[in-house]
Amino acid sequence: MEGWLRENEGRDDAKGLDVDEACDALSKQMLDCMASDMAVEVAIYALDKAAQEGAVPFDVYMRNVRLLSREQFFHRAIGSKLRAVRTQSMASMAQQYAFP
């Protein structure tokens, strides 16, 4: 892998590549769900640190953790459904190309 990186380090053909266009809609949706889930996780962590330092009152902390946890639950539920769809579509593709 390191050899390939050395060989392809200065290539101009990869500069115009848009990563968002390289994936299908389902993969983009899964990536968005995962990014949102992780962003909520970071927000809860920061809120926890602020509460430990006394910068945020406990009632405000609890209310915001509850709201963020609810939002995170929905992101995880959607991500779970998307993974199930991805698995199902990959299984059907495997059956299509399976040997008789």
N, C-alpha and C. Protein backbone atom coordinates (compact mmCIF):
# COMPACT_ATOMS: atom_id res chain seq x y z
N MET A 1 0.81 -1.18 0.00
CA MET A 1 0.00 0.00 0.00
C MET A 1 0.87 1.26 0.00
N GLU A 2 1.95 1.24 0.78
CA GLU A 2 2.83 2.39 0.82
C GLU A 2 3.46 2.64 -0.55
N GLY A 3 3.80 1.55 -1.27
CA GLY A 3 4.35 1.70 -2.61
C GLY A 3 3.36 2.35 -3.56
N TRP A 4 2.09 1.95 -3.47
CA TRP A 4 1.06 2.54 -4.32
C TRP A 4 0.90 4.02 -4.00
N LEU A 5 0.93 4.38 -2.72
CA LEU A 5 0.82 5.78 -2.33
C LEU A 5 1.98 6.61 -2.87
N ARG A 6 3.20 6.04 -2.82
CA ARG A 6 4.35 6.76 -3.36
C ARG A 6 4.21 6.97 -4.86
N GLU A 7 3.74 5.94 -5.57
CA GLU A 7 3.60 6.02 -7.02
C GLU A 7 2.52 7.02 -7.43
N ASN A 8 1.46 7.12 -6.67
CA ASN A 8 0.31 7.93 -7.07
C ASN A 8 0.19 9.24 -6.31
N GLU A 9 1.22 9.64 -5.61
CA GLU A 9 1.13 10.82 -4.76
C GLU A 9 0.88 12.11 -5.55
N GLY A 10 1.54 12.34 -6.64
CA GLY A 10 1.43 13.60 -7.35
C GLY A 10 0.52 13.58 -8.56
N ARG A 11 -0.32 12.59 -8.71
CA ARG A 11 -1.15 12.46 -9.91
C ARG A 11 -2.21 13.54 -9.97
N ASP A 12 -2.40 14.07 -11.16
CA ASP A 12 -3.37 15.15 -11.36
C ASP A 12 -4.79 14.65 -11.57
N ASP A 13 -4.98 13.40 -11.97
CA ASP A 13 -6.33 12.92 -12.28
C ASP A 13 -7.21 12.79 -11.04
N ALA A 14 -6.64 12.71 -9.86
CA ALA A 14 -7.44 12.58 -8.64
C ALA A 14 -7.86 13.92 -8.06
N LYS A 15 -7.30 15.02 -8.56
CA LYS A 15 -7.62 16.34 -8.00
C LYS A 15 -9.04 16.75 -8.27
N GLY A 16 -9.62 16.34 -9.38
CA GLY A 16 -10.98 16.71 -9.71
C GLY A 16 -12.02 15.75 -9.16
N LEU A 17 -11.61 14.76 -8.38
CA LEU A 17 -12.52 13.75 -7.85
C LEU A 17 -13.33 14.32 -6.70
N ASP A 18 -14.65 14.21 -6.79
CA ASP A 18 -15.54 14.62 -5.72
C ASP A 18 -15.98 13.37 -4.98
N VAL A 19 -15.63 13.27 -3.72
CA VAL A 19 -15.90 12.07 -2.95
C VAL A 19 -17.40 11.84 -2.81
N ASP A 20 -18.18 12.90 -2.69
CA ASP A 20 -19.63 12.76 -2.53
C ASP A 20 -20.29 12.16 -3.76
N GLU A 21 -19.72 12.40 -4.93
CA GLU A 21 -20.29 11.84 -6.15
C GLU A 21 -19.87 10.40 -6.37
N ALA A 22 -18.89 9.93 -5.62
CA ALA A 22 -18.36 8.59 -5.83
C ALA A 22 -19.20 7.50 -5.18
N CYS A 23 -20.19 7.87 -4.38
CA CYS A 23 -20.99 6.84 -3.71
C CYS A 23 -22.46 6.97 -4.12
N ASP A 24 -23.20 5.90 -3.90
CA ASP A 24 -24.61 5.90 -4.25
C ASP A 24 -25.42 6.60 -3.15
N ALA A 25 -26.71 6.77 -3.40
CA ALA A 25 -27.57 7.51 -2.48
C ALA A 25 -27.68 6.82 -1.12
N LEU A 26 -27.77 5.51 -1.12
CA LEU A 26 -27.90 4.77 0.13
C LEU A 26 -26.63 4.93 0.98
N SER A 27 -25.48 4.85 0.35
CA SER A 27 -24.23 5.02 1.09
C SER A 27 -24.10 6.43 1.64
N LYS A 28 -24.52 7.41 0.87
CA LYS A 28 -24.48 8.80 1.35
C LYS A 28 -25.41 8.98 2.54
N GLN A 29 -26.59 8.39 2.48
CA GLN A 29 -27.54 8.48 3.58
C GLN A 29 -26.97 7.80 4.83
N MET A 30 -26.33 6.65 4.65
CA MET A 30 -25.71 5.96 5.78
C MET A 30 -24.59 6.80 6.39
N LEU A 31 -23.80 7.43 5.53
CA LEU A 31 -22.72 8.28 6.00
C LEU A 31 -23.25 9.48 6.77
N ASP A 32 -24.33 10.09 6.27
CA ASP A 32 -24.94 11.22 6.95
C ASP A 32 -25.47 10.83 8.32
N CYS A 33 -26.11 9.66 8.42
CA CYS A 33 -26.63 9.18 9.70
C CYS A 33 -25.50 8.94 10.69
N MET A 34 -24.42 8.33 10.22
CA MET A 34 -23.30 8.05 11.09
C MET A 34 -22.64 9.35 11.56
N ALA A 35 -22.50 10.30 10.66
CA ALA A 35 -21.90 11.58 11.02
C ALA A 35 -22.77 12.33 12.04
N SER A 36 -24.07 12.29 11.85
CA SER A 36 -24.98 12.95 12.78
C SER A 36 -24.93 12.28 14.15
N ASP A 37 -24.90 10.96 14.16
CA ASP A 37 -24.81 10.20 15.40
C ASP A 37 -23.55 10.57 16.16
N MET A 38 -22.44 10.63 15.45
CA MET A 38 -21.17 10.95 16.09
C MET A 38 -21.13 12.40 16.56
N ALA A 39 -21.76 13.31 15.82
CA ALA A 39 -21.81 14.71 16.23
C ALA A 39 -22.61 14.87 17.52
N VAL A 40 -23.71 14.14 17.63
CA VAL A 40 -24.50 14.18 18.86
C VAL A 40 -23.69 13.61 20.02
N GLU A 41 -22.94 12.55 19.75
CA GLU A 41 -22.09 11.94 20.78
C GLU A 41 -21.07 12.95 21.30
N VAL A 42 -20.47 13.71 20.42
CA VAL A 42 -19.49 14.72 20.81
C VAL A 42 -20.18 15.84 21.60
N ALA A 43 -21.38 16.23 21.19
CA ALA A 43 -22.11 17.28 21.90
C ALA A 43 -22.46 16.83 23.32
N ILE A 44 -22.88 15.59 23.48
CA ILE A 44 -23.19 15.07 24.82
C ILE A 44 -21.92 15.03 25.68
N TYR A 45 -20.82 14.62 25.08
CA TYR A 45 -19.56 14.58 25.81
C TYR A 45 -19.15 15.98 26.28
N ALA A 46 -19.27 16.97 25.40
CA ALA A 46 -18.91 18.34 25.76
C ALA A 46 -19.85 18.88 26.85
N LEU A 47 -21.12 18.55 26.74
CA LEU A 47 -22.08 18.96 27.75
C LEU A 47 -21.77 18.31 29.10
N ASP A 48 -21.34 17.06 29.06
CA ASP A 48 -20.97 16.36 30.28
C ASP A 48 -19.77 17.03 30.95
N LYS A 49 -18.78 17.38 30.16
CA LYS A 49 -17.61 18.07 30.69
C LYS A 49 -17.99 19.41 31.29
N ALA A 50 -18.88 20.14 30.61
CA ALA A 50 -19.32 21.44 31.11
C ALA A 50 -20.07 21.29 32.43
N ALA A 51 -20.88 20.23 32.55
CA ALA A 51 -21.61 19.99 33.79
C ALA A 51 -20.66 19.61 34.92
N GLN A 52 -19.63 18.84 34.61
CA GLN A 52 -18.66 18.45 35.63
C GLN A 52 -17.89 19.66 36.16
N GLU A 53 -17.64 20.62 35.28
CA GLU A 53 -16.90 21.82 35.69
C GLU A 53 -17.80 22.86 36.34
N GLY A 54 -19.11 22.62 36.33
CA GLY A 54 -20.05 23.55 36.95
C GLY A 54 -20.47 24.70 36.05
N ALA A 55 -20.13 24.62 34.77
CA ALA A 55 -20.48 25.69 33.83
C ALA A 55 -21.94 25.61 33.40
N VAL A 56 -22.55 24.43 33.55
CA VAL A 56 -23.94 24.23 33.15
C VAL A 56 -24.70 23.69 34.37
N PRO A 57 -25.84 24.30 34.70
CA PRO A 57 -26.65 23.77 35.82
C PRO A 57 -27.16 22.37 35.49
N PHE A 58 -27.40 21.58 36.54
CA PHE A 58 -27.78 20.20 36.37
C PHE A 58 -29.09 20.04 35.59
N ASP A 59 -30.08 20.88 35.86
CA ASP A 59 -31.36 20.74 35.16
C ASP A 59 -31.22 21.03 33.67
N VAL A 60 -30.40 21.99 33.32
CA VAL A 60 -30.14 22.31 31.91
C VAL A 60 -29.39 21.14 31.26
N TYR A 61 -28.43 20.60 31.99
CA TYR A 61 -27.67 19.44 31.51
C TYR A 61 -28.61 18.27 31.20
N MET A 62 -29.47 17.93 32.14
CA MET A 62 -30.37 16.79 31.96
C MET A 62 -31.34 17.00 30.80
N ARG A 63 -31.88 18.19 30.68
CA ARG A 63 -32.83 18.48 29.59
C ARG A 63 -32.14 18.34 28.23
N ASN A 64 -30.94 18.89 28.13
CA ASN A 64 -30.23 18.83 26.85
C ASN A 64 -29.74 17.42 26.52
N VAL A 65 -29.32 16.68 27.52
CA VAL A 65 -28.92 15.29 27.28
C VAL A 65 -30.11 14.48 26.81
N ARG A 66 -31.27 14.72 27.41
CA ARG A 66 -32.49 14.02 26.99
C ARG A 66 -32.83 14.33 25.53
N LEU A 67 -32.77 15.60 25.17
CA LEU A 67 -33.08 16.00 23.79
C LEU A 67 -32.06 15.43 22.80
N LEU A 68 -30.80 15.51 23.15
CA LEU A 68 -29.76 14.99 22.27
C LEU A 68 -29.84 13.46 22.15
N SER A 69 -30.15 12.79 23.25
CA SER A 69 -30.26 11.33 23.21
C SER A 69 -31.41 10.89 22.33
N ARG A 70 -32.49 11.64 22.38
CA ARG A 70 -33.64 11.33 21.52
C ARG A 70 -33.27 11.48 20.05
N GLU A 71 -32.58 12.57 19.74
CA GLU A 71 -32.13 12.80 18.37
C GLU A 71 -31.17 11.69 17.93
N GLN A 72 -30.27 11.29 18.82
CA GLN A 72 -29.31 10.24 18.50
C GLN A 72 -30.02 8.91 18.27
N PHE A 73 -31.05 8.63 19.04
CA PHE A 73 -31.82 7.41 18.86
C PHE A 73 -32.38 7.33 17.44
N PHE A 74 -32.94 8.43 16.95
CA PHE A 74 -33.51 8.43 15.61
C PHE A 74 -32.44 8.24 14.54
N HIS A 75 -31.28 8.86 14.72
CA HIS A 75 -30.19 8.67 13.76
C HIS A 75 -29.74 7.21 13.75
N ARG A 76 -29.66 6.60 14.91
CA ARG A 76 -29.24 5.20 14.99
C ARG A 76 -30.30 4.27 14.42
N ALA A 77 -31.58 4.58 14.64
CA ALA A 77 -32.66 3.75 14.10
C ALA A 77 -32.67 3.81 12.58
N ILE A 78 -32.51 4.99 12.03
CA ILE A 78 -32.48 5.13 10.57
C ILE A 78 -31.25 4.42 10.01
N GLY A 79 -30.10 4.57 10.68
CA GLY A 79 -28.89 3.89 10.24
C GLY A 79 -29.05 2.38 10.26
N SER A 80 -29.74 1.87 11.28
CA SER A 80 -29.98 0.43 11.36
C SER A 80 -30.85 -0.05 10.20
N LYS A 81 -31.87 0.71 9.87
CA LYS A 81 -32.73 0.36 8.75
C LYS A 81 -31.97 0.41 7.43
N LEU A 82 -31.11 1.41 7.28
CA LEU A 82 -30.32 1.52 6.06
C LEU A 82 -29.34 0.36 5.92
N ARG A 83 -28.73 -0.06 7.04
CA ARG A 83 -27.84 -1.21 6.99
C ARG A 83 -28.59 -2.48 6.61
N ALA A 84 -29.83 -2.61 7.10
CA ALA A 84 -30.64 -3.79 6.74
C ALA A 84 -30.95 -3.79 5.25
N VAL A 85 -31.28 -2.62 4.71
CA VAL A 85 -31.56 -2.52 3.27
C VAL A 85 -30.30 -2.85 2.48
N ARG A 86 -29.15 -2.34 2.91
CA ARG A 86 -27.88 -2.59 2.23
C ARG A 86 -27.57 -4.09 2.25
N THR A 87 -27.75 -4.72 3.40
CA THR A 87 -27.47 -6.15 3.53
C THR A 87 -28.40 -6.96 2.63
N GLN A 88 -29.66 -6.58 2.61
CA GLN A 88 -30.64 -7.29 1.78
C GLN A 88 -30.30 -7.14 0.30
N SER A 89 -29.93 -5.94 -0.12
CA SER A 89 -29.60 -5.74 -1.54
C SER A 89 -28.32 -6.48 -1.92
N MET A 90 -27.36 -6.54 -1.00
CA MET A 90 -26.13 -7.27 -1.30
C MET A 90 -26.39 -8.76 -1.36
N ALA A 91 -27.29 -9.25 -0.51
CA ALA A 91 -27.63 -10.67 -0.53
C ALA A 91 -28.33 -11.05 -1.84
N SER A 92 -29.20 -10.16 -2.31
CA SER A 92 -29.89 -10.46 -3.57
C SER A 92 -28.91 -10.41 -4.75
N MET A 93 -27.92 -9.52 -4.67
CA MET A 93 -26.90 -9.48 -5.72
C MET A 93 -26.06 -10.75 -5.70
N ALA A 94 -25.76 -11.26 -4.52
CA ALA A 94 -24.97 -12.47 -4.41
C ALA A 94 -25.73 -13.66 -4.97
N GLN A 95 -27.04 -13.72 -4.75
CA GLN A 95 -27.84 -14.79 -5.31
C GLN A 95 -27.88 -14.72 -6.82
N GLN A 96 -27.89 -13.51 -7.34
CA GLN A 96 -27.95 -13.32 -8.79
C GLN A 96 -26.71 -13.87 -9.46
N TYR A 97 -25.56 -13.71 -8.82
CA TYR A 97 -24.31 -14.15 -9.41
C TYR A 97 -23.82 -15.48 -8.89
N ALA A 98 -24.63 -16.17 -8.10
CA ALA A 98 -24.23 -17.46 -7.53
C ALA A 98 -24.23 -18.53 -8.62
N PHE A 99 -23.39 -19.52 -8.42
CA PHE A 99 -23.33 -20.63 -9.36
C PHE A 99 -24.53 -21.54 -9.15
N PRO A 100 -25.07 -22.09 -10.24
CA PRO A 100 -26.25 -22.99 -10.10
C PRO A 100 -25.91 -24.31 -9.48
